[in-house]
Protein backbone atom coordinates (compact mmCIF):
# COMPACT_ATOMS: atom_id res chain seq x y z
CA MET A 1 104.91 -0.71 -23.82
CA ILE A 2 104.12 -3.34 -26.75
CA GLN A 3 102.18 -5.57 -24.37
CA LYS A 4 100.12 -2.72 -23.12
CA LEU A 5 99.19 -1.34 -26.88
CA LEU A 6 97.92 -5.13 -27.21
CA TYR A 7 95.57 -4.82 -24.14
CA SER A 8 93.69 -1.56 -24.76
CA ILE A 9 93.11 -3.33 -28.79
CA LEU A 10 91.32 -6.47 -26.93
CA PHE A 11 89.33 -4.37 -24.29
CA VAL A 12 88.31 -1.83 -27.12
CA PHE A 13 87.23 -4.88 -29.04
CA SER A 14 85.25 -6.49 -26.57
CA ILE A 15 83.15 -3.52 -25.73
CA SER A 16 82.44 -2.93 -29.64
CA ASN A 17 81.50 -7.19 -29.79
CA ALA A 18 79.05 -6.42 -26.61
CA VAL A 19 77.36 -3.66 -27.90
CA ALA A 20 76.79 -5.10 -31.28
CA MET A 21 74.98 -8.40 -30.30
CA ASP A 22 71.57 -9.39 -30.54
CA CYS A 23 69.60 -9.66 -27.44
CA PRO A 24 65.76 -11.08 -27.74
CA VAL A 25 64.74 -10.87 -23.84
CA ASP A 26 61.97 -8.41 -23.76
CA LEU A 27 59.37 -8.48 -20.35
CA GLY A 28 57.73 -5.91 -21.29
CA PRO A 29 56.39 -2.92 -19.54
CA ASP A 30 55.91 -2.41 -15.96
CA ILE A 31 52.79 -3.96 -14.23
CA ASN A 32 50.29 -3.44 -11.73
CA ALA A 33 48.35 -6.40 -10.62
CA CYS A 34 45.89 -7.07 -7.60
CA GLU A 35 47.00 -8.94 -4.83
CA GLY A 36 45.79 -12.90 -5.26
CA GLU A 37 46.78 -12.62 -8.82
CA THR A 38 49.64 -15.08 -10.41
CA ILE A 39 52.00 -12.83 -13.12
CA VAL A 40 53.79 -14.98 -15.62
CA LEU A 41 57.12 -13.30 -16.68
CA ASP A 42 58.21 -14.84 -20.15
CA ALA A 43 61.64 -14.26 -21.05
CA ASP A 44 61.63 -17.08 -23.48
CA THR A 45 63.93 -16.80 -26.40
CA GLY A 46 63.27 -19.67 -28.55
CA ASP A 47 66.31 -21.20 -28.28
CA SER A 48 66.45 -23.91 -26.11
CA SER A 49 70.08 -23.89 -25.62
CA ASP A 50 69.83 -20.49 -23.65
CA THR A 51 70.14 -20.59 -19.91
CA TYR A 52 68.18 -18.06 -17.94
CA ILE A 53 68.97 -16.95 -14.72
CA TRP A 54 65.80 -14.85 -12.49
CA PHE A 55 66.66 -12.24 -10.00
CA LYS A 56 64.05 -10.21 -7.37
CA ASP A 57 65.63 -6.93 -6.08
CA ALA A 58 69.24 -7.84 -7.29
CA ILE A 59 69.12 -11.26 -5.70
CA GLU A 60 69.69 -14.01 -7.40
CA ILE A 61 65.86 -16.42 -7.07
CA SER A 62 67.23 -19.94 -6.61
CA ASP A 63 66.21 -23.00 -8.66
CA GLU A 64 64.20 -20.93 -11.21
CA THR A 65 65.98 -21.45 -14.41
CA MET A 66 63.16 -21.76 -16.65
CA PRO A 67 62.73 -19.27 -19.36
CA THR A 68 59.55 -18.19 -17.50
CA LEU A 69 58.59 -17.45 -13.69
CA SER A 70 55.35 -17.14 -11.60
CA VAL A 71 55.19 -14.30 -9.71
CA THR A 72 52.85 -13.36 -6.69
CA THR A 73 54.96 -10.65 -4.59
CA GLY A 74 56.13 -7.09 -5.94
CA GLY A 75 59.45 -6.22 -6.74
CA THR A 76 61.70 -5.24 -9.43
CA TYR A 77 62.44 -8.52 -11.28
CA THR A 78 65.76 -9.12 -13.38
CA VAL A 79 66.56 -11.97 -15.91
CA GLU A 80 69.83 -12.79 -17.23
CA VAL A 81 69.58 -14.81 -20.59
CA SER A 82 73.03 -16.36 -22.11
CA ASP A 83 73.48 -18.51 -25.73
CA GLY A 84 77.08 -19.61 -23.71
CA ASN A 85 79.16 -16.88 -25.41
CA THR A 86 76.93 -13.64 -24.63
CA THR A 87 74.78 -12.41 -21.82
CA CYS A 88 71.91 -10.25 -21.71
CA THR A 89 69.18 -8.91 -19.57
CA ASP A 90 65.84 -6.93 -19.21
CA GLU A 91 64.04 -6.17 -15.90
CA LEU A 92 60.75 -4.90 -14.75
CA VAL A 93 58.66 -3.27 -11.95
CA LEU A 94 56.11 -5.65 -11.02
CA ALA A 95 53.66 -3.65 -7.99
CA PHE A 96 50.75 -5.70 -6.34
CA SER A 97 47.60 -3.41 -5.06
CA PRO A 98 46.05 -4.76 -2.29
CA LEU A 99 42.22 -5.96 -2.50
CA PRO A 100 39.54 -4.04 -0.87
CA LEU A 101 38.42 -5.23 2.59
CA ILE A 102 35.24 -7.16 2.66
CA ASN A 103 32.83 -8.66 5.38
CA ILE A 104 30.57 -11.33 4.86
CA PRO A 105 26.88 -9.95 4.72
CA THR A 106 24.38 -11.32 7.43
CA PRO A 107 21.14 -12.56 4.84
CA LEU A 108 18.89 -9.86 3.43
CA VAL A 109 15.57 -10.32 4.69
CA ALA A 110 12.35 -8.15 2.93
CA CYS A 111 8.58 -8.97 3.91
CA ASP A 112 6.37 -10.60 1.93
CA PRO A 113 2.60 -9.07 2.26
CA ASP A 114 0.63 -11.78 0.44
CA ASN A 115 2.68 -14.75 1.53
CA ASP A 116 3.57 -15.81 -2.10
CA GLY A 117 7.13 -15.81 -1.98
CA PHE A 118 8.50 -13.16 -3.94
CA THR A 119 8.89 -9.56 -3.11
CA SER A 120 11.00 -6.65 -3.53
CA PHE A 121 14.84 -6.55 -2.05
CA ASP A 122 16.70 -3.53 -1.58
CA LEU A 123 19.85 -4.94 -1.98
CA ASP A 124 21.63 -1.16 -1.20
CA LEU A 125 21.33 -1.87 2.34
CA LYS A 126 23.80 -3.92 2.54
CA SER A 127 26.71 -2.14 0.52
CA ASP A 128 27.95 -0.61 3.61
CA GLU A 129 27.92 -3.77 5.56
CA ILE A 130 29.93 -5.45 2.83
CA SER A 131 32.46 -3.04 2.25
CA GLY A 132 32.65 -1.59 5.95
CA GLY A 133 31.59 1.92 4.45
CA ALA A 134 35.42 2.64 2.98
CA PRO A 135 35.91 5.28 0.69
CA GLY A 136 36.54 4.86 -2.85
CA VAL A 137 34.72 1.62 -3.90
CA GLU A 138 31.80 0.63 -5.32
CA VAL A 139 29.34 -2.21 -4.82
CA THR A 140 27.40 -3.69 -7.34
CA TYR A 141 25.10 -6.70 -7.57
CA HIS A 142 24.74 -9.92 -9.91
CA GLY A 143 22.80 -12.98 -10.45
CA ALA A 144 25.81 -15.30 -11.32
CA ILE A 145 29.29 -15.51 -9.73
CA LEU A 146 30.99 -15.46 -13.46
CA ASN A 147 28.77 -12.28 -13.56
CA ALA A 148 29.95 -11.07 -11.05
CA GLU A 149 33.59 -11.53 -11.53
CA ASN A 150 33.31 -10.47 -15.17
CA ASP A 151 31.44 -7.20 -13.83
CA LEU A 152 28.59 -8.09 -16.27
CA PHE A 153 24.60 -7.66 -16.26
CA GLU A 154 24.18 -5.85 -12.98
CA LEU A 155 20.98 -5.89 -10.90
CA PRO A 156 19.06 -3.28 -10.19
CA SER A 157 17.56 -2.60 -6.83
CA PRO A 158 15.36 -2.72 -5.63
CA TYR A 159 15.27 -6.44 -6.86
CA LEU A 160 12.40 -9.11 -7.13
CA ASN A 161 13.34 -12.30 -6.21
CA ASP A 162 13.86 -15.28 -8.70
CA ASN A 163 13.50 -17.69 -6.47
CA PRO A 164 10.34 -18.45 -3.93
CA PHE A 165 11.04 -17.88 -0.34
CA MET A 166 15.13 -18.19 -0.46
CA ASP A 167 17.63 -16.85 -3.22
CA VAL A 168 21.18 -15.51 -3.88
CA VAL A 169 23.21 -12.99 -5.09
CA TRP A 170 26.80 -12.41 -5.51
CA ALA A 171 28.29 -8.57 -4.54
CA ARG A 172 31.47 -7.19 -6.46
CA VAL A 173 33.46 -4.92 -4.57
CA GLU A 174 35.42 -3.07 -6.61
CA ASP A 175 38.40 -0.09 -5.82
CA SER A 176 37.56 2.71 -8.42
CA SER A 177 41.04 3.53 -8.26
CA THR A 178 43.12 0.22 -9.23
CA GLY A 179 39.87 -1.69 -10.43
CA CYS A 180 40.76 -4.71 -7.92
CA PHE A 181 38.15 -6.42 -6.43
CA GLU A 182 36.16 -9.12 -4.21
CA ILE A 183 33.51 -11.50 -4.52
CA VAL A 184 31.07 -12.22 -1.74
CA GLU A 185 28.05 -14.03 -1.52
CA LEU A 186 24.73 -12.68 -0.52
CA GLY A 187 21.50 -14.86 1.03
CA LEU A 188 18.14 -13.20 0.11
CA GLN A 189 15.47 -14.46 2.65
CA VAL A 190 11.51 -13.55 2.25
CA SER A 191 9.95 -13.14 5.57
CA LEU A 192 5.96 -14.10 5.55
CA SER A 193 3.50 -12.56 7.60
CA TRP A 194 1.81 -14.31 10.25
CA PRO A 195 -1.87 -14.57 11.88
CA LEU A 196 -2.66 -12.65 14.90
CA GLY A 197 -4.69 -13.71 17.70
CA GLU A 198 -8.71 -11.75 17.87
CA ALA A 199 -8.24 -8.81 20.00
CA ASP A 200 -11.73 -8.37 22.59
CA ASP A 201 -13.78 -5.31 22.13
CA LEU A 202 -13.14 -2.89 25.41
CA ILE A 203 -15.93 -1.30 27.02
CA LEU A 204 -15.73 1.29 29.84
CA GLU A 205 -18.88 2.62 31.38
CA ASP A 206 -19.84 6.32 30.93
CA VAL A 207 -19.01 7.37 34.02
CA GLY A 208 -19.09 11.32 32.98
CA ASN A 209 -22.18 10.53 30.82
CA ASP A 210 -20.24 12.19 27.82
CA GLY A 211 -19.18 9.47 26.34
CA ILE A 212 -15.77 9.91 26.66
CA GLU A 213 -13.29 7.55 28.29
CA VAL A 214 -10.07 6.95 29.08
CA PHE A 215 -8.86 3.23 27.79
CA ASP A 216 -5.56 1.12 28.40
CA LEU A 217 -5.08 -0.58 24.61
CA THR A 218 -2.34 -2.67 25.85
CA GLN A 219 -4.97 -4.95 27.83
CA ASN A 220 -5.13 -6.69 24.36
CA ASP A 221 -1.35 -6.67 24.00
CA ALA A 222 -1.16 -10.87 24.80
CA LEU A 223 -4.15 -11.57 22.95
CA ILE A 224 -2.95 -10.13 19.82
CA LEU A 225 0.62 -11.60 20.06
CA ALA A 226 -0.74 -14.70 20.17
CA GLY A 227 2.43 -16.66 21.43
CA LEU A 228 4.85 -14.36 19.15
CA ASP A 229 7.67 -13.19 21.52
CA PRO A 230 7.16 -9.66 22.93
CA ILE A 231 10.92 -9.57 22.92
CA THR A 232 11.28 -9.36 19.08
CA HIS A 233 7.79 -8.09 18.18
CA GLN A 234 6.48 -4.95 18.81
CA ILE A 235 2.78 -3.51 19.18
CA LEU A 236 1.67 -0.49 18.09
CA TYR A 237 -1.92 1.49 17.92
CA PHE A 238 -3.33 3.58 15.37
CA GLU A 239 -6.55 5.49 15.09
CA THR A 240 -6.66 5.06 11.07
CA LEU A 241 -6.12 2.00 8.53
CA ALA A 242 -3.90 4.10 6.71
CA ASP A 243 -1.67 5.11 9.23
CA ALA A 244 -1.33 1.67 10.66
CA GLU A 245 -0.26 0.48 7.26
CA ASN A 246 1.84 3.25 6.85
CA GLY A 247 3.27 2.84 10.60
CA THR A 248 2.94 6.41 11.09
CA ASN A 249 1.11 8.46 13.68
CA ALA A 250 0.89 5.74 16.18
CA ILE A 251 -0.85 6.65 19.50
CA ALA A 252 1.47 7.71 22.17
CA THR A 253 0.03 6.69 25.42
CA PRO A 254 -1.75 3.35 24.38
CA GLU A 255 -2.08 2.59 27.95
CA ALA A 256 -4.00 5.91 28.64
CA TYR A 257 -5.83 6.62 25.26
CA THR A 258 -8.98 8.58 25.45
CA ASN A 259 -11.43 7.93 22.88
CA SER A 260 -12.31 10.46 19.96
CA ALA A 261 -15.44 8.56 18.66
CA ASN A 262 -17.94 6.71 19.92
CA PRO A 263 -17.60 3.70 19.26
CA GLN A 264 -14.35 3.77 17.91
CA GLN A 265 -12.62 1.11 15.92
CA ILE A 266 -8.46 0.91 16.84
CA PHE A 267 -6.09 -0.44 14.76
CA ALA A 268 -3.08 -2.76 15.60
CA ARG A 269 0.21 -2.85 14.01
CA VAL A 270 2.53 -5.78 15.29
CA GLU A 271 6.58 -5.62 13.62
CA GLU A 272 8.97 -7.87 13.84
CA ILE A 273 11.55 -5.54 15.53
CA GLU A 274 14.71 -6.62 13.57
CA TYR A 275 13.32 -6.75 9.68
CA GLY A 276 10.50 -4.45 10.36
CA CYS A 277 7.87 -7.02 8.66
CA TYR A 278 4.41 -6.86 10.00
CA SER A 279 0.86 -7.62 10.34
CA LEU A 280 -2.48 -5.97 11.32
CA THR A 281 -5.51 -6.55 13.09
CA SER A 282 -8.33 -4.22 14.60
CA PHE A 283 -10.59 -4.23 17.34
CA THR A 284 -13.27 -1.84 19.07
CA ILE A 285 -13.89 0.64 22.05
CA MET A 286 -17.16 1.79 23.51
CA VAL A 287 -18.85 3.70 26.17
CA GLU A 288 -21.63 2.54 27.31
CA GLY A 289 -24.32 4.30 29.57
CA ALA A 290 -24.68 7.28 27.76
CA GLU A 291 -28.43 8.94 28.24
CA ASP A 292 -30.56 8.35 25.30
CA ALA A 293 -33.85 10.12 25.85
CA ASP A 294 -35.55 8.72 22.74
CA ASN A 295 -33.67 5.54 22.61
CA ASP A 296 -32.76 6.27 18.79
CA GLY A 297 -29.51 5.02 19.20
CA VAL A 298 -27.69 8.53 19.00
CA SER A 299 -26.70 9.14 22.59
CA ASP A 300 -27.94 12.26 24.10
CA VAL A 301 -24.66 14.13 23.88
CA LEU A 302 -24.06 13.83 19.99
CA GLU A 303 -27.95 15.23 19.75
CA ASP A 304 -26.15 18.03 20.57
CA ILE A 305 -25.53 18.75 16.69
CA ASN A 306 -24.91 22.87 17.28
CA ASN A 307 -22.32 22.13 20.28
CA ASN A 308 -23.91 24.53 22.24
CA GLY A 309 -24.68 22.32 25.41
CA ASP A 310 -28.18 22.91 24.79
CA LEU A 311 -30.11 19.92 23.37
CA THR A 312 -33.80 22.02 23.40
CA ASP A 313 -32.61 23.84 20.38
CA ASP A 314 -31.58 21.20 18.01
CA ASP A 315 -34.25 20.16 15.95
CA THR A 316 -33.31 18.88 12.54
CA ASP A 317 -36.84 18.43 11.02
CA GLY A 318 -38.68 21.72 12.34
CA ASP A 319 -41.10 19.57 13.76
CA GLY A 320 -41.16 21.22 17.21
CA THR A 321 -39.60 18.02 19.07
CA PRO A 322 -35.94 18.41 19.70
CA ASN A 323 -33.60 15.77 18.45
CA TYR A 324 -32.93 13.94 21.36
CA LEU A 325 -36.21 13.90 21.95
CA ASP A 326 -37.21 12.80 18.51
CA GLU A 327 -37.47 8.78 17.39
CA ASP A 328 -36.89 10.43 13.32
CA ASP A 329 -34.86 13.40 13.79
CA ASP A 330 -34.50 14.35 9.63
CA GLY A 331 -38.38 13.36 9.78
CA ASP A 332 -38.19 11.42 6.37
CA LEU A 333 -40.17 8.92 7.94
CA VAL A 334 -37.24 6.15 8.49
CA PRO A 335 -36.29 6.00 11.93
CA THR A 336 -33.33 7.35 12.94
CA ILE A 337 -32.40 4.08 14.74
CA THR A 338 -32.86 2.15 11.42
CA GLU A 339 -31.09 4.94 9.56
CA ILE A 340 -28.07 4.31 12.13
CA THR A 341 -28.02 0.28 12.60
CA GLY A 342 -30.22 -1.09 9.66
CA ILE A 343 -30.37 -1.70 5.81
CA GLY A 344 -27.59 0.59 4.24
CA ALA A 345 -25.63 1.49 7.64
CA GLY A 346 -22.27 0.94 8.50
CA PHE A 347 -19.44 -0.53 6.52
CA GLY A 348 -18.32 -3.65 7.54
CA PRO A 349 -18.27 -5.88 11.04
CA ASN A 350 -16.33 -4.04 13.26
CA SER A 351 -17.57 -0.34 11.94
CA TYR A 352 -20.30 1.64 13.80
CA GLU A 353 -19.76 5.20 11.56
CA PHE A 354 -23.14 6.53 10.91
CA ILE A 355 -23.87 6.37 7.01
CA ASP A 356 -23.71 9.35 4.72
CA THR A 357 -25.43 7.22 1.65
CA ASP A 358 -25.13 10.63 -0.78
CA SER A 359 -21.19 11.44 0.87
CA ASP A 360 -23.08 14.79 1.50
CA ALA A 361 -21.24 15.11 4.77
CA VAL A 362 -24.82 14.73 6.38
CA GLU A 363 -25.42 11.54 7.91
CA ASN A 364 -28.35 9.79 6.83
CA TYR A 365 -30.20 10.01 10.15
CA LEU A 366 -29.96 14.02 9.48
CA ASP A 367 -30.26 13.75 6.06
CA GLU A 368 -33.66 15.02 4.13
CA ASP A 369 -32.62 13.17 1.04
CA ASP A 370 -30.50 10.17 1.72
CA ASP A 371 -29.34 9.10 -1.43
CA GLY A 372 -28.82 12.53 -2.59
CA ASP A 373 -31.22 12.31 -6.16
CA GLY A 374 -33.05 15.32 -6.08
CA VAL A 375 -36.26 13.64 -4.21
CA LEU A 376 -36.98 13.48 -0.53
CA THR A 377 -36.61 10.58 1.59
CA GLU A 378 -40.38 10.49 2.58
CA ASN A 379 -41.24 11.13 -1.41
CA GLU A 380 -39.39 8.07 -2.03
CA ASP A 381 -42.75 5.88 0.01
CA TYR A 382 -43.96 4.69 -3.46
CA ASN A 383 -46.71 2.54 -2.02
CA ASN A 384 -47.60 5.57 0.16
CA ASN A 385 -47.65 3.15 3.13
CA GLY A 386 -45.92 5.62 5.46
CA ASP A 387 -42.63 3.32 4.98
CA PRO A 388 -39.71 4.06 2.65
CA LEU A 389 -37.94 0.92 3.74
CA ASP A 390 -40.44 -1.55 1.53
CA ASP A 391 -40.10 0.69 -1.50
CA ASP A 392 -37.40 -0.96 -3.93
CA THR A 393 -38.93 -0.02 -7.65
CA ASN A 394 -36.00 -1.77 -9.59
CA ASN A 395 -35.73 -4.82 -7.12
CA ASN A 396 -32.25 -4.46 -6.66
CA ASP A 397 -32.92 -5.44 -2.66
CA ILE A 398 -31.78 -1.37 -2.04
CA PRO A 399 -34.54 0.75 -0.88
CA ASP A 400 -35.25 3.99 -3.26
CA PHE A 401 -34.59 6.14 -0.74
CA LEU A 402 -31.33 4.73 -0.72
CA ASP A 403 -30.75 4.14 -4.47
CA MET A 404 -29.61 7.22 -6.51
CA GLY A 405 -30.16 5.03 -9.62
CA VAL A 406 -34.38 5.37 -8.99
CA THR A 407 -35.38 8.86 -10.05
CA LEU A 408 -38.41 8.75 -11.63
CA GLY A 409 -38.29 12.20 -13.65
CA ILE A 410 -42.19 13.69 -12.49
CA ASP A 411 -42.05 16.61 -9.77
CA ASP A 412 -44.26 15.75 -6.96
CA ILE A 413 -46.48 18.87 -6.19
CA LEU A 414 -48.37 17.24 -2.94
CA SER A 415 -51.58 18.36 -1.87
CA ASN A 416 -52.82 18.74 1.56
CA THR A 417 -56.38 18.43 1.03
CA ILE A 418 -56.65 15.61 -1.44
CA THR A 419 -55.88 12.20 -0.77
CA VAL A 420 -56.25 8.98 -3.02
CA TYR A 421 -57.79 5.28 -1.62
CA PRO A 422 -57.53 2.51 -1.28
CA ASN A 423 -53.85 2.07 -1.42
CA PRO A 424 -52.69 -0.32 -2.77
CA THR A 425 -55.80 -1.12 -4.72
CA ASN A 426 -57.08 -4.46 -6.59
CA SER A 427 -58.91 -2.20 -9.43
CA LYS A 428 -60.87 1.12 -8.49
CA CYS A 429 -59.48 3.78 -6.52
CA TYR A 430 -60.67 7.09 -5.57
CA ILE A 431 -59.88 11.04 -5.50
CA GLN A 432 -61.02 12.52 -2.55
CA GLY A 433 -61.20 16.49 -2.60
CA VAL A 434 -61.13 17.28 -5.95
CA PRO A 435 -61.61 21.05 -6.52
CA ASN A 436 -64.24 22.57 -8.52
CA ALA A 437 -62.59 22.99 -11.79
CA VAL A 438 -62.01 21.10 -14.96
CA VAL A 439 -60.26 18.42 -14.19
CA THR A 440 -57.60 16.07 -16.33
CA ILE A 441 -57.36 12.78 -14.94
CA SER A 442 -53.80 10.71 -16.21
CA VAL A 443 -52.47 7.37 -15.28
CA PHE A 444 -48.50 6.76 -15.91
CA THR A 445 -46.40 3.57 -15.52
CA VAL A 446 -42.70 4.38 -13.74
CA GLU A 447 -41.51 4.31 -17.18
CA GLY A 448 -43.67 7.57 -18.36
CA GLN A 449 -45.99 5.75 -20.85
CA ASN A 450 -49.50 7.35 -20.24
CA VAL A 451 -52.36 4.45 -19.95
CA PHE A 452 -55.35 6.37 -19.14
CA HIS A 453 -56.69 9.75 -20.26
CA ASP A 454 -60.14 11.36 -19.27
CA GLN A 455 -61.18 14.76 -18.70
CA ARG A 456 -64.35 16.10 -17.15
CA ILE A 457 -65.63 18.76 -14.91
CA GLU A 458 -66.06 17.91 -11.10
CA GLY A 459 -67.53 19.30 -8.15
CA THR A 460 -65.60 19.00 -4.72
CA GLY A 461 -65.75 15.32 -4.18
CA ASN A 462 -64.60 12.32 -5.20
CA ILE A 463 -63.40 10.99 -8.96
CA GLU A 464 -63.20 7.23 -9.41
CA VAL A 465 -59.94 5.77 -11.50
CA ASP A 466 -60.57 2.30 -13.04
CA LEU A 467 -57.49 0.46 -12.58
CA SER A 468 -59.08 -2.95 -13.13
CA LYS A 469 -57.82 -3.80 -16.72
CA LEU A 470 -54.14 -2.86 -16.00
CA PRO A 471 -51.41 -5.30 -14.65
CA ALA A 472 -50.14 -4.85 -10.78
CA ALA A 473 -47.41 -2.34 -10.80
CA LEU A 474 -46.77 0.73 -9.72
CA TYR A 475 -48.31 4.02 -11.32
CA PHE A 476 -49.01 7.53 -11.12
CA ILE A 477 -51.67 9.42 -10.91
CA MET A 478 -51.64 12.87 -12.46
CA MET A 479 -54.60 15.07 -11.70
CA GLU A 480 -54.65 18.65 -13.39
CA THR A 481 -56.31 22.14 -13.08
CA LYS A 482 -55.82 25.15 -14.41
CA GLU A 483 -53.72 26.10 -11.78
CA THR A 484 -51.93 23.13 -10.17
CA THR A 485 -50.85 19.55 -11.46
CA ASP A 486 -50.43 16.80 -8.59
CA VAL A 487 -49.07 13.45 -8.62
CA TYR A 488 -49.69 10.54 -6.61
CA ARG A 489 -48.27 7.18 -6.89
CA ILE A 490 -50.58 4.26 -6.56
CA VAL A 491 -50.11 0.28 -6.49
CA LYS A 492 -51.99 -1.90 -8.42
CA LYS A 493 -52.35 -5.36 -6.60
């Protein structure tokens, strides 16, 4: 009985002593880490005489007797620390979250239209390729690997490369729920445009005599590709330059295309199929052989202005000669052939559009006032030689009838019964057919300066005007009566 009592006292004393002892071990809170990380557990008490035993999931880890433990796998980790007399323990749960799955991306290629080595890259185009389209992940791009690792200085998209022709950025793929991330390199390549071959103009005979035929535009495929691989490049054809540049409204059946104008410019776009980079060129399609009864360069079909199928009722200048037989359709003294092919006509070597200088939707060959300055083209024949083409008052190599800047500011009320001759003159000129009235004669420079003034009463006949003392130039002779004012141009040589 005494022996049992002594044992009980010793047992109670041992429990009380264990509860009261000081245990300095603290592994800290549970840890969530990412795969690939190494976590160091630290149980160091600061007493070099203490001993350590480590356990994972209650199983002792052999040969691990140091105060610290490096861990790369998840589990419940326990440390037992002893000073020879007492032993205490601590534990924590360590979990490793998986890293996002990534794919090594192919280089991102962008087109460089001006071939300077710099262009704009849409980095976001590669995000799904890199992440595999996995949900719950975010892809950002960085200019240096350290920035990607520390999630600093995210690059904008589109991104202009720093280094010409080739560059590199780093993509950071992060799991939004765990914060675990992977880094992968993305190469950037600048794709330059390439020269195309020169296409042939396509010319067909006008079988139907209507200026319309069916063209096979693909006849120019090989010439345009000029050795480029037709497997990796495609050719598209367009009616306008804007459509060719934007890659919109391509001609659906280029092998059987009916022209909409004659002649007509066609634009070809050669695309690199993989990356979409492109180059442009153009050529002309033309129907020849259409009847042109007056040889003015405009086929008879196009002279049917009102599109009623009757050529005889189209007479723009009202001179009694229908346009298809009239060499000067608008009666402005400038032949139609000159107004569509000569000075001021066309926009470039591959353009055959009829010119409309004043943009009033009336082409010059049908427009009585080509430059829209309020002075009829025929009245801009300032030297009165019947040809407005050689009148260039401001010497800018643009005939006055095409130069809106030349408006001389004096109303021209030309008489059908009065003439001025000779014109040009070296000294004197004469006004013939003067009415029997009080007549005032004045001479003005093109700047409006009055250089001659004379008032007289004359019967019907001639008036002499002496210009001999005036320098060579263009002048205006004004003849005023009570009822009328007539202005005549005169050139003094």
